[in-house]
Amino acid sequence: MVLSASPMPPLILAAALLEGLSLTLIQGYLPLYVRRALDGSSYVTVALLVAVPALGTMVASNLWGGLSDVTGRLKPMILVGIFGYAAAAGLIPAFHQGFGIMAYVGAASLCYGTLAPSLKTYVTLWRSDRKEQSIAYVLMAQSAGWCLGSFGGGWLLEGGIESGMRAALWTCAALLAAHGLLCAVALPDQRREALAPKGQRGWLAGLAQDLASLYENPRLLSLCFLAFLFVSGNYAAWGFFSVYMFERLGADIRTIRYALAASSVLGVVSFLYVGPLIRRFGGQLVLAVGVTLYVGMYMGMALTRDPAVFGAFYALPLFSLVNVSANALASEYSMAAQRGGGLGVLNGTYALATIVGPVTAGLLADRFGLGAIPWLSFTFLLSSVPIAWLQVAATRRRRAESEEMRVDAG
């Protein structure tokens, strides 16, 4: 990977790392904590632990992303996201039932849901000539946080699921709070021209018009529909990964810990080459190849009963292909003044899919058992494959028509 001459701001990369650490605890270990250490909730309740915060994230991504566009500022949204994560992690141990945790994290997600799209917007504006590489840097840092959370959080949980989870959450909250204060003092704002000129319309009207124009963008909507399918399939499996490994395959905490860590390490490595791949072959083609490979991955996960093999399939570094491609395309389809809103719409789609996938998986698991979950993921990804390749064909057709027009004009 060719490093950029203008490196990513370290405070932004550190924020992405801490977001990955937080998500490992909230999405990776929290379902197991609620299921085994607290009230033995049903699979649907476990699914709602992932789904309800995703609803807040969907609202937050659109609201805060659009507000960033109409104000031309990013730093306040980043601070809202960091302190939102700190509040979520710090107070989860105060609740002793799955429903209370679900409601609280859902409320906190209205704040922390803005962090991911705001960080991506910041770096694509920082290096607008290397959008896919800039996004890859952020996602690489986030994967490093997943790795840290997998090793550190898993090590603490080995000493006891309840006590270990509390210690992990409090440590994470302290790191986030400290970093938020540092960013408040030292992070430069990435300002751009506000989308709503003062004196012509209020910020609320500007926000509404910004979001309306984004949702009328056919290429962005088509991308979001595809993203909805592959993210739903992924989160149907990811939301139950620790529970599936522990209850269906009989894995211990150490095995779960190493599977999560391997996924994170391979994810970090994959970001070293995914940016150049997208620049060489285009985001649509890399995205189509990624969702196609996912079909084989979930078939393998559905057929195996060996936790080591299941973990190996889970660790395959495919998410970087689809995630960086989708974010780079959303950035490409949105003009610079609407970059925050465009990436917010995509992140909101991710959040909606994070609701649909786990809840559907929880309903199926309560009715048919945990074994139905990988097959659900397989079905979602299989349905996304023809759509992805149709988008590749449409892009090539537009490119050919544009080339013909240039030749005729010459």
Protein backbone atom coordinates (compact mmCIF):
# COMPACT_ATOMS: atom_id res chain seq x y z
CA MET A 1 0.00 0.00 0.00
CA VAL A 2 1.43 3.42 -0.97
CA LEU A 3 1.24 5.71 2.04
CA SER A 4 -0.21 9.13 1.51
CA ALA A 5 2.02 12.18 1.74
CA SER A 6 -0.45 13.66 4.23
CA PRO A 7 -0.95 11.09 6.99
CA MET A 8 -4.27 10.66 8.71
CA PRO A 9 -4.71 12.75 11.90
CA PRO A 10 -3.74 10.48 14.84
CA LEU A 11 -6.66 11.69 16.97
CA ILE A 12 -9.08 10.51 14.26
CA LEU A 13 -7.40 7.11 14.02
CA ALA A 14 -7.42 6.78 17.82
CA ALA A 15 -11.15 7.60 17.86
CA ALA A 16 -11.75 4.88 15.24
CA LEU A 17 -9.71 2.41 17.32
CA LEU A 18 -11.76 3.17 20.45
CA GLU A 19 -14.98 2.82 18.44
CA GLY A 20 -13.84 -0.66 17.37
CA LEU A 21 -13.03 -1.53 20.98
CA SER A 22 -16.49 -0.35 22.08
CA LEU A 23 -18.28 -2.28 19.34
CA THR A 24 -16.43 -5.48 20.24
CA LEU A 25 -17.81 -5.26 23.75
CA ILE A 26 -21.31 -4.09 22.80
CA GLN A 27 -21.88 -6.32 19.77
CA GLY A 28 -19.42 -9.16 20.38
CA TYR A 29 -19.58 -9.93 24.09
CA LEU A 30 -22.67 -8.14 25.43
CA PRO A 31 -25.16 -10.70 23.99
CA LEU A 32 -23.27 -13.51 25.74
CA TYR A 33 -23.11 -11.45 28.96
CA VAL A 34 -26.88 -10.92 28.96
CA ARG A 35 -27.67 -14.49 27.94
CA ARG A 36 -25.36 -16.27 30.41
CA ALA A 37 -24.63 -13.88 33.29
CA LEU A 38 -27.89 -12.02 33.78
CA ASP A 39 -31.45 -13.16 33.13
CA GLY A 40 -31.08 -15.88 30.48
CA SER A 41 -33.01 -13.85 27.91
CA SER A 42 -34.65 -15.35 24.83
CA TYR A 43 -32.86 -15.22 21.49
CA VAL A 44 -35.15 -12.42 20.33
CA THR A 45 -34.16 -10.32 23.35
CA VAL A 46 -30.51 -11.03 22.57
CA ALA A 47 -31.15 -9.90 18.99
CA LEU A 48 -32.78 -6.71 20.23
CA LEU A 49 -29.57 -5.85 22.10
CA VAL A 50 -28.06 -5.33 18.66
CA ALA A 51 -31.19 -4.15 16.85
CA VAL A 52 -32.47 -1.40 19.14
CA PRO A 53 -29.13 0.48 19.27
CA ALA A 54 -29.02 0.12 15.49
CA LEU A 55 -32.33 1.98 15.28
CA GLY A 56 -30.80 4.84 17.23
CA THR A 57 -27.74 4.72 14.99
CA MET A 58 -29.95 4.93 11.90
CA VAL A 59 -31.60 8.09 13.24
CA ALA A 60 -28.30 9.53 14.44
CA SER A 61 -26.49 8.91 11.15
CA ASN A 62 -29.09 10.81 9.17
CA LEU A 63 -29.69 13.58 11.71
CA TRP A 64 -26.10 14.36 12.70
CA GLY A 65 -24.75 13.77 9.18
CA GLY A 66 -27.28 16.19 7.69
CA LEU A 67 -26.63 18.69 10.47
CA SER A 68 -22.91 18.49 9.66
CA ASP A 69 -23.69 19.38 6.05
CA VAL A 70 -25.87 22.39 6.85
CA THR A 71 -23.41 23.78 9.43
CA GLY A 72 -20.22 22.88 7.57
CA ARG A 73 -18.68 21.45 10.77
CA LEU A 74 -17.54 17.98 11.85
CA LYS A 75 -15.73 18.30 15.18
CA PRO A 76 -18.92 18.75 17.29
CA MET A 77 -20.43 15.59 15.76
CA ILE A 78 -17.25 13.61 16.46
CA LEU A 79 -17.30 14.74 20.10
CA VAL A 80 -20.98 13.78 20.44
CA GLY A 81 -20.11 10.30 19.13
CA ILE A 82 -17.10 9.77 21.41
CA PHE A 83 -18.86 10.87 24.58
CA GLY A 84 -21.94 8.86 23.55
CA TYR A 85 -19.84 5.70 23.47
CA ALA A 86 -18.25 6.62 26.82
CA ALA A 87 -21.68 7.02 28.43
CA ALA A 88 -22.92 3.75 26.95
CA ALA A 89 -19.96 1.68 28.12
CA GLY A 90 -19.74 3.30 31.53
CA LEU A 91 -23.35 2.79 32.61
CA ILE A 92 -24.26 -0.61 31.10
CA PRO A 93 -23.12 -2.39 34.32
CA ALA A 94 -25.71 -0.38 36.29
CA PHE A 95 -28.48 -2.42 34.64
CA HIS A 96 -29.21 -6.00 35.65
CA GLN A 97 -31.75 -7.10 33.06
CA GLY A 98 -31.53 -7.47 29.32
CA PHE A 99 -34.45 -5.12 28.67
CA GLY A 100 -32.89 -2.27 30.67
CA ILE A 101 -29.55 -2.66 28.89
CA MET A 102 -31.31 -2.73 25.53
CA ALA A 103 -33.26 0.48 26.27
CA TYR A 104 -30.24 2.34 27.63
CA VAL A 105 -27.82 1.42 24.85
CA GLY A 106 -30.56 2.28 22.35
CA ALA A 107 -30.82 5.77 23.84
CA ALA A 108 -27.03 6.22 23.90
CA SER A 109 -26.82 5.18 20.24
CA LEU A 110 -28.66 8.38 19.31
CA CYS A 111 -25.35 10.05 20.16
CA TYR A 112 -22.66 7.50 19.40
CA GLY A 113 -24.23 6.58 16.06
CA THR A 114 -22.78 9.72 14.52
CA LEU A 115 -19.14 8.76 15.13
CA ALA A 116 -18.54 6.31 12.26
CA PRO A 117 -19.88 8.48 9.38
CA SER A 118 -18.31 11.62 10.88
CA LEU A 119 -14.85 10.04 11.03
CA LYS A 120 -15.16 8.82 7.42
CA THR A 121 -16.36 12.22 6.27
CA TYR A 122 -13.46 13.91 8.07
CA VAL A 123 -10.79 11.81 6.36
CA THR A 124 -12.35 11.95 2.87
CA LEU A 125 -12.30 15.73 3.13
CA TRP A 126 -8.76 15.62 4.56
CA ARG A 127 -7.56 13.69 1.50
CA SER A 128 -10.26 14.13 -1.13
CA ASP A 129 -7.97 12.70 -3.81
CA ARG A 130 -7.64 9.39 -1.92
CA LYS A 131 -11.11 8.74 -0.55
CA GLU A 132 -10.92 4.93 -0.59
CA GLN A 133 -7.46 4.93 0.99
CA SER A 134 -8.56 7.41 3.66
CA ILE A 135 -11.60 5.29 4.53
CA ALA A 136 -9.37 2.21 4.63
CA TYR A 137 -7.14 3.91 7.22
CA VAL A 138 -10.14 4.59 9.45
CA LEU A 139 -11.51 1.06 9.09
CA MET A 140 -8.05 -0.38 9.72
CA ALA A 141 -7.89 1.53 13.00
CA GLN A 142 -11.38 0.33 13.86
CA SER A 143 -10.33 -3.27 13.19
CA ALA A 144 -7.31 -2.76 15.44
CA GLY A 145 -9.80 -1.75 18.13
CA TRP A 146 -11.77 -4.94 17.48
CA CYS A 147 -8.54 -6.89 17.93
CA LEU A 148 -7.75 -5.11 21.19
CA GLY A 149 -11.28 -5.67 22.45
CA SER A 150 -11.23 -9.32 21.41
CA PHE A 151 -7.98 -10.09 23.23
CA GLY A 152 -8.42 -7.79 26.22
CA GLY A 153 -12.14 -8.25 26.69
CA GLY A 154 -11.94 -12.01 26.16
CA TRP A 155 -9.07 -12.28 28.64
CA LEU A 156 -11.13 -10.44 31.29
CA LEU A 157 -14.22 -12.58 30.58
CA GLU A 158 -12.23 -15.79 31.05
CA GLY A 159 -12.02 -14.90 34.74
CA GLY A 160 -15.81 -14.62 34.94
CA ILE A 161 -18.32 -13.39 32.39
CA GLU A 162 -20.06 -10.88 34.66
CA SER A 163 -17.04 -9.43 36.50
CA GLY A 164 -14.91 -9.46 33.36
CA MET A 165 -17.52 -7.64 31.31
CA ARG A 166 -17.91 -4.93 33.94
CA ALA A 167 -14.15 -4.35 34.07
CA ALA A 168 -13.90 -4.24 30.27
CA LEU A 169 -16.75 -1.75 29.94
CA TRP A 170 -15.42 0.59 32.63
CA THR A 171 -11.93 0.54 31.14
CA CYS A 172 -13.33 1.32 27.71
CA ALA A 173 -15.45 4.19 29.09
CA ALA A 174 -12.44 5.76 30.80
CA LEU A 175 -10.36 5.62 27.61
CA LEU A 176 -13.19 7.15 25.57
CA ALA A 177 -13.78 9.97 28.06
CA ALA A 178 -10.06 10.83 28.14
CA HIS A 179 -9.84 10.80 24.36
CA GLY A 180 -12.96 12.93 24.03
CA LEU A 181 -11.41 15.59 26.24
CA LEU A 182 -8.19 15.46 24.22
CA CYS A 183 -10.11 15.86 20.95
CA ALA A 184 -12.09 18.79 22.37
CA VAL A 185 -8.81 20.60 22.98
CA ALA A 186 -6.53 19.45 20.15
CA LEU A 187 -8.57 18.17 17.17
CA PRO A 188 -8.82 20.76 14.36
CA ASP A 189 -12.27 21.06 12.86
CA GLN A 190 -12.58 20.07 9.20
CA ARG A 191 -14.71 22.98 8.09
CA ARG A 192 -16.32 23.31 4.70
CA GLU A 193 -18.85 25.68 3.18
CA ALA A 194 -22.21 25.24 4.85
CA LEU A 195 -24.87 23.79 2.60
CA ALA A 196 -27.49 26.27 3.88
CA PRO A 197 -26.33 29.89 3.44
CA LYS A 198 -27.23 32.10 6.38
CA GLY A 199 -30.19 34.36 5.87
CA GLN A 200 -31.73 32.21 3.13
CA ARG A 201 -33.13 29.27 5.09
CA GLY A 202 -32.95 27.93 8.60
CA TRP A 203 -30.77 24.98 9.54
CA LEU A 204 -33.81 22.74 9.99
CA ALA A 205 -35.10 23.47 6.48
CA GLY A 206 -31.57 23.01 5.14
CA LEU A 207 -31.29 19.65 6.90
CA ALA A 208 -34.61 18.48 5.44
CA GLN A 209 -33.67 19.58 1.90
CA ASP A 210 -30.22 18.01 2.18
CA LEU A 211 -31.63 14.63 3.19
CA ALA A 212 -34.41 14.82 0.58
CA SER A 213 -31.92 15.42 -2.23
CA LEU A 214 -29.76 12.52 -1.04
CA TYR A 215 -32.69 10.11 -0.94
CA GLU A 216 -33.60 11.16 -4.48
CA ASN A 217 -30.14 10.13 -5.73
CA PRO A 218 -30.80 6.87 -7.67
CA ARG A 219 -27.20 5.60 -7.58
CA LEU A 220 -26.97 6.17 -3.83
CA LEU A 221 -30.34 4.47 -3.26
CA SER A 222 -29.32 1.47 -5.37
CA LEU A 223 -26.10 1.16 -3.38
CA CYS A 224 -28.02 1.40 -0.11
CA PHE A 225 -30.39 -1.39 -1.15
CA LEU A 226 -27.45 -3.67 -1.90
CA ALA A 227 -25.79 -2.68 1.38
CA PHE A 228 -29.01 -3.46 3.25
CA LEU A 229 -28.92 -7.05 1.98
CA PHE A 230 -25.29 -7.86 2.72
CA VAL A 231 -25.26 -6.09 6.09
CA SER A 232 -28.49 -7.85 7.15
CA GLY A 233 -26.90 -11.18 6.35
CA ASN A 234 -23.69 -10.33 8.14
CA TYR A 235 -25.33 -9.07 11.30
CA ALA A 236 -27.72 -12.00 11.46
CA ALA A 237 -24.60 -14.10 12.08
CA TRP A 238 -22.42 -11.54 13.86
CA GLY A 239 -25.07 -10.63 16.43
CA PHE A 240 -25.20 -14.25 17.57
CA PHE A 241 -21.59 -15.24 17.03
CA SER A 242 -20.55 -15.63 20.67
CA VAL A 243 -23.88 -17.23 21.65
CA TYR A 244 -23.75 -19.63 18.67
CA MET A 245 -20.17 -20.65 19.43
CA PHE A 246 -20.85 -21.13 23.16
CA GLU A 247 -24.27 -22.80 23.07
CA ARG A 248 -24.47 -24.68 19.75
CA LEU A 249 -20.83 -25.60 19.12
CA GLY A 250 -19.69 -25.93 22.74
CA ALA A 251 -16.76 -23.50 22.41
CA ASP A 252 -15.19 -21.96 25.51
CA ILE A 253 -14.47 -18.25 26.01
CA ARG A 254 -10.85 -18.67 24.92
CA THR A 255 -11.89 -20.12 21.55
CA ILE A 256 -14.38 -17.29 21.03
CA ARG A 257 -11.71 -14.79 22.00
CA TYR A 258 -9.20 -16.11 19.47
CA ALA A 259 -11.79 -16.32 16.71
CA LEU A 260 -12.75 -12.68 17.22
CA ALA A 261 -9.09 -11.68 17.43
CA ALA A 262 -8.18 -13.58 14.25
CA SER A 263 -11.02 -11.85 12.43
CA SER A 264 -9.71 -8.48 13.59
CA VAL A 265 -6.06 -9.16 12.69
CA LEU A 266 -6.93 -10.42 9.22
CA GLY A 267 -9.24 -7.44 8.81
CA VAL A 268 -6.39 -5.04 9.61
CA VAL A 269 -4.13 -6.81 7.09
CA SER A 270 -6.83 -6.71 4.41
CA PHE A 271 -7.05 -2.93 4.60
CA LEU A 272 -3.46 -2.77 3.35
CA TYR A 273 -4.56 -3.94 -0.09
CA VAL A 274 -8.26 -3.16 -0.41
CA GLY A 275 -7.71 0.55 -1.22
CA PRO A 276 -5.37 -0.15 -4.17
CA LEU A 277 -7.75 -2.90 -5.36
CA ILE A 278 -10.62 -0.42 -5.50
CA ARG A 279 -8.48 2.16 -7.31
CA ARG A 280 -7.40 -0.48 -9.83
CA PHE A 281 -10.68 -2.30 -10.50
CA GLY A 282 -13.37 0.09 -9.25
CA GLY A 283 -15.64 -0.02 -6.21
CA GLN A 284 -18.54 -1.76 -7.96
CA LEU A 285 -16.44 -4.74 -9.09
CA VAL A 286 -14.71 -5.20 -5.73
CA LEU A 287 -18.08 -4.99 -3.97
CA ALA A 288 -19.59 -7.62 -6.30
CA VAL A 289 -16.66 -10.00 -5.77
CA GLY A 290 -16.92 -9.51 -2.00
CA VAL A 291 -20.61 -10.40 -1.72
CA THR A 292 -20.08 -13.42 -4.00
CA LEU A 293 -17.31 -14.76 -1.75
CA TYR A 294 -19.56 -14.25 1.27
CA VAL A 295 -22.02 -16.79 -0.15
CA GLY A 296 -19.38 -19.52 0.07
CA MET A 297 -18.32 -18.41 3.54
CA TYR A 298 -21.80 -18.69 5.03
CA MET A 299 -22.43 -22.03 3.36
CA GLY A 300 -19.28 -23.33 5.06
CA MET A 301 -20.39 -21.93 8.43
CA ALA A 302 -23.83 -23.52 8.07
CA LEU A 303 -22.42 -26.98 7.29
CA THR A 304 -19.75 -27.29 10.00
CA ARG A 305 -20.15 -28.31 13.65
CA ASP A 306 -16.48 -27.77 14.53
CA PRO A 307 -15.96 -24.49 16.44
CA ALA A 308 -12.44 -24.08 15.05
CA VAL A 309 -13.66 -24.41 11.45
CA PHE A 310 -16.61 -22.13 12.16
CA GLY A 311 -14.25 -19.54 13.64
CA ALA A 312 -11.92 -19.84 10.64
CA PHE A 313 -14.77 -19.10 8.23
CA TYR A 314 -15.87 -16.20 10.42
CA ALA A 315 -12.34 -14.73 10.34
CA LEU A 316 -12.13 -14.57 6.53
CA PRO A 317 -11.30 -10.91 5.68
CA LEU A 318 -14.20 -10.20 3.35
CA PHE A 319 -15.88 -7.33 5.18
CA SER A 320 -13.14 -4.89 4.16
CA LEU A 321 -13.91 -5.56 0.49
CA VAL A 322 -17.59 -4.72 0.77
CA ASN A 323 -17.34 -2.04 3.45
CA VAL A 324 -14.60 0.12 1.95
CA SER A 325 -16.16 -0.28 -1.52
CA ALA A 326 -19.60 0.78 -0.33
CA ASN A 327 -18.27 3.78 1.60
CA ALA A 328 -16.04 4.89 -1.29
CA LEU A 329 -18.99 4.65 -3.69
CA ALA A 330 -21.28 6.60 -1.33
CA SER A 331 -18.59 9.27 -1.08
CA GLU A 332 -18.28 9.31 -4.88
CA TYR A 333 -22.04 9.61 -5.37
CA SER A 334 -22.30 12.61 -2.98
CA MET A 335 -20.82 16.01 -3.70
CA ALA A 336 -18.34 17.41 -1.17
CA ALA A 337 -20.91 19.67 0.51
CA GLN A 338 -23.17 16.65 1.07
CA ARG A 339 -20.44 14.18 2.02
CA GLY A 340 -21.54 13.95 5.65
CA GLY A 341 -25.16 13.36 4.69
CA GLY A 342 -24.28 10.84 1.97
CA LEU A 343 -22.16 8.71 4.24
CA GLY A 344 -24.78 9.20 6.96
CA VAL A 345 -27.47 7.76 4.68
CA LEU A 346 -25.30 4.71 3.99
CA ASN A 347 -24.52 4.34 7.69
CA GLY A 348 -28.24 4.63 8.42
CA THR A 349 -28.86 1.82 5.94
CA TYR A 350 -26.27 -0.26 7.77
CA ALA A 351 -28.12 0.45 11.00
CA LEU A 352 -31.49 -0.55 9.52
CA ALA A 353 -29.96 -3.80 8.30
CA THR A 354 -28.48 -4.32 11.77
CA ILE A 355 -32.06 -4.30 13.05
CA VAL A 356 -33.57 -6.59 10.43
CA GLY A 357 -30.80 -9.20 10.38
CA PRO A 358 -30.49 -9.99 14.11
CA VAL A 359 -34.22 -9.75 14.84
CA THR A 360 -35.03 -12.16 12.00
CA ALA A 361 -32.27 -14.45 13.26
CA GLY A 362 -33.61 -14.31 16.82
CA LEU A 363 -37.13 -15.20 15.70
CA LEU A 364 -35.82 -18.14 13.66
CA ALA A 365 -33.56 -19.30 16.50
CA ASP A 366 -36.43 -19.30 19.01
CA ARG A 367 -38.57 -21.27 16.55
CA PHE A 368 -36.06 -23.61 14.85
CA GLY A 369 -32.86 -23.39 16.90
CA LEU A 370 -29.53 -21.62 16.41
CA GLY A 371 -28.66 -23.79 13.40
CA ALA A 372 -30.99 -21.70 11.21
CA ILE A 373 -28.89 -18.55 11.58
CA PRO A 374 -26.02 -19.26 9.12
CA TRP A 375 -28.56 -20.32 6.50
CA LEU A 376 -30.39 -17.02 6.97
CA SER A 377 -27.12 -15.16 6.35
CA PHE A 378 -26.48 -17.33 3.29
CA THR A 379 -29.92 -16.40 1.90
CA PHE A 380 -29.40 -12.66 2.38
CA LEU A 381 -26.01 -12.71 0.69
CA LEU A 382 -27.18 -14.95 -2.15
CA SER A 383 -29.96 -12.47 -2.94
CA SER A 384 -27.42 -9.62 -3.08
CA VAL A 385 -25.16 -11.26 -5.68
CA PRO A 386 -27.24 -10.60 -8.86
CA ILE A 387 -27.90 -7.01 -7.78
CA ALA A 388 -24.18 -6.37 -7.27
CA TRP A 389 -23.25 -7.73 -10.68
CA LEU A 390 -26.07 -5.79 -12.37
CA GLN A 391 -24.58 -2.63 -10.86
CA VAL A 392 -21.18 -3.58 -12.30
CA ALA A 393 -22.77 -4.00 -15.74
CA ALA A 394 -24.60 -0.66 -15.44
CA THR A 395 -21.37 1.14 -14.51
CA ARG A 396 -19.52 -0.36 -17.47
CA ARG A 397 -22.37 0.62 -19.78
CA ARG A 398 -22.32 4.23 -18.53
CA ARG A 399 -18.56 4.33 -18.95
CA ALA A 400 -18.78 3.01 -22.51
CA GLU A 401 -21.49 5.53 -23.44
CA SER A 402 -19.43 8.34 -21.96
CA GLU A 403 -16.39 7.21 -23.97
CA GLU A 404 -18.46 7.10 -27.17
CA MET A 405 -19.69 10.63 -26.53
CA ARG A 406 -16.11 11.87 -26.08
CA VAL A 407 -15.07 10.18 -29.34
CA ASP A 408 -18.02 11.69 -31.21
CA ALA A 409 -17.28 15.13 -29.78
CA GLY A 410 -13.63 14.79 -30.84
